[in-house]
């Protein structure tokens, strides 16, 4: 995602805002995916699901 130049935030200031927005969106996507994973019933035969849960809980 690339934003145009902003007259209010010249130079690197706009780049910092853009980086912050991308981090916020990435964090929101992470939370959505973690919540989705946590709603799935646990199944000890599904090793990939168990591995993902272990990574999230650490």
C-alpha atoms as a PDB file:
ATOM      1  CA  UNK A   1       0.000   0.000   0.000  1.00  0.00           C
ATOM      2  CA  UNK A   2       1.491   3.332  -1.023  1.00  0.00           C
ATOM      3  CA  UNK A   3       0.110   6.729  -0.079  1.00  0.00           C
ATOM      4  CA  UNK A   4       0.719   9.998  -1.918  1.00  0.00           C
ATOM      5  CA  UNK A   5       2.750  12.880  -0.508  1.00  0.00           C
ATOM      6  CA  UNK A   6       1.144  14.967   2.199  1.00  0.00           C
ATOM      7  CA  UNK A   7       1.677  18.734   2.356  1.00  0.00           C
ATOM      8  CA  UNK A   8       1.073  18.569   6.115  1.00  0.00           C
ATOM      9  CA  UNK A   9       3.793  15.974   6.763  1.00  0.00           C
ATOM     10  CA  UNK A  10       6.677  16.675   4.386  1.00  0.00           C
ATOM     11  CA  UNK A  11       9.567  14.267   3.929  1.00  0.00           C
ATOM     12  CA  UNK A  12      10.101  11.429   6.359  1.00  0.00           C
ATOM     13  CA  UNK A  13       7.226  12.428   8.631  1.00  0.00           C
ATOM     14  CA  UNK A  14       4.738  10.997   6.162  1.00  0.00           C
ATOM     15  CA  UNK A  15       6.805   7.827   5.807  1.00  0.00           C
ATOM     16  CA  UNK A  16       6.583   7.350   9.580  1.00  0.00           C
ATOM     17  CA  UNK A  17       2.800   7.784   9.547  1.00  0.00           C
ATOM     18  CA  UNK A  18       2.531   5.319   6.683  1.00  0.00           C
ATOM     19  CA  UNK A  19       4.683   2.765   8.536  1.00  0.00           C
ATOM     20  CA  UNK A  20       2.556   3.165  11.683  1.00  0.00           C
ATOM     21  CA  UNK A  21      -0.664   2.645   9.728  1.00  0.00           C
ATOM     22  CA  UNK A  22       0.727  -0.497   8.111  1.00  0.00           C
ATOM     23  CA  UNK A  23       1.717  -1.854  11.534  1.00  0.00           C
ATOM     24  CA  UNK A  24      -1.751  -1.124  12.917  1.00  0.00           C
ATOM     25  CA  UNK A  25      -3.424  -2.914  10.003  1.00  0.00           C
ATOM     26  CA  UNK A  26      -1.013  -5.858  10.341  1.00  0.00           C
ATOM     27  CA  UNK A  27      -1.697  -6.102  14.077  1.00  0.00           C
ATOM     28  CA  UNK A  28      -5.460  -5.995  13.474  1.00  0.00           C
ATOM     29  CA  UNK A  29      -5.135  -8.830  10.934  1.00  0.00           C
ATOM     30  CA  UNK A  30      -3.047 -10.831  13.411  1.00  0.00           C
ATOM     31  CA  UNK A  31      -5.683 -10.420  16.132  1.00  0.00           C
ATOM     32  CA  UNK A  32      -8.468 -11.504  13.747  1.00  0.00           C
ATOM     33  CA  UNK A  33      -6.506 -14.624  12.748  1.00  0.00           C
ATOM     34  CA  UNK A  34      -5.635 -15.515  16.360  1.00  0.00           C
ATOM     35  CA  UNK A  35      -9.260 -15.133  17.479  1.00  0.00           C
ATOM     36  CA  UNK A  36     -10.403 -17.290  14.560  1.00  0.00           C
ATOM     37  CA  UNK A  37      -7.865 -19.968  15.473  1.00  0.00           C
ATOM     38  CA  UNK A  38      -8.877 -19.901  19.134  1.00  0.00           C
ATOM     39  CA  UNK A  39     -12.542 -20.469  18.227  1.00  0.00           C
ATOM     40  CA  UNK A  40     -11.689 -23.709  16.426  1.00  0.00           C
ATOM     41  CA  UNK A  41     -12.221 -26.807  18.560  1.00  0.00           C
ATOM     42  CA  UNK A  42      -8.975 -28.400  19.664  1.00  0.00           C
ATOM     43  CA  UNK A  43      -8.145 -31.682  17.982  1.00  0.00           C
ATOM     44  CA  UNK A  44      -5.069 -33.615  19.084  1.00  0.00           C
ATOM     45  CA  UNK A  45      -4.994 -35.393  15.704  1.00  0.00           C
ATOM     46  CA  UNK A  46      -4.643 -32.086  13.865  1.00  0.00           C
ATOM     47  CA  UNK A  47      -0.937 -31.393  14.487  1.00  0.00           C
ATOM     48  CA  UNK A  48      -0.798 -28.135  12.501  1.00  0.00           C
ATOM     49  CA  UNK A  49      -3.602 -26.666  14.626  1.00  0.00           C
ATOM     50  CA  UNK A  50      -1.890 -27.756  17.823  1.00  0.00           C
ATOM     51  CA  UNK A  51       1.431 -26.230  16.679  1.00  0.00           C
ATOM     52  CA  UNK A  52      -0.267 -22.927  15.875  1.00  0.00           C
ATOM     53  CA  UNK A  53      -1.960 -22.831  19.287  1.00  0.00           C
ATOM     54  CA  UNK A  54       1.370 -23.477  21.015  1.00  0.00           C
ATOM     55  CA  UNK A  55       2.979 -20.596  19.087  1.00  0.00           C
ATOM     56  CA  UNK A  56       0.138 -18.237  20.036  1.00  0.00           C
ATOM     57  CA  UNK A  57       0.216 -19.176  23.724  1.00  0.00           C
ATOM     58  CA  UNK A  58       3.950 -18.473  24.131  1.00  0.00           C
END
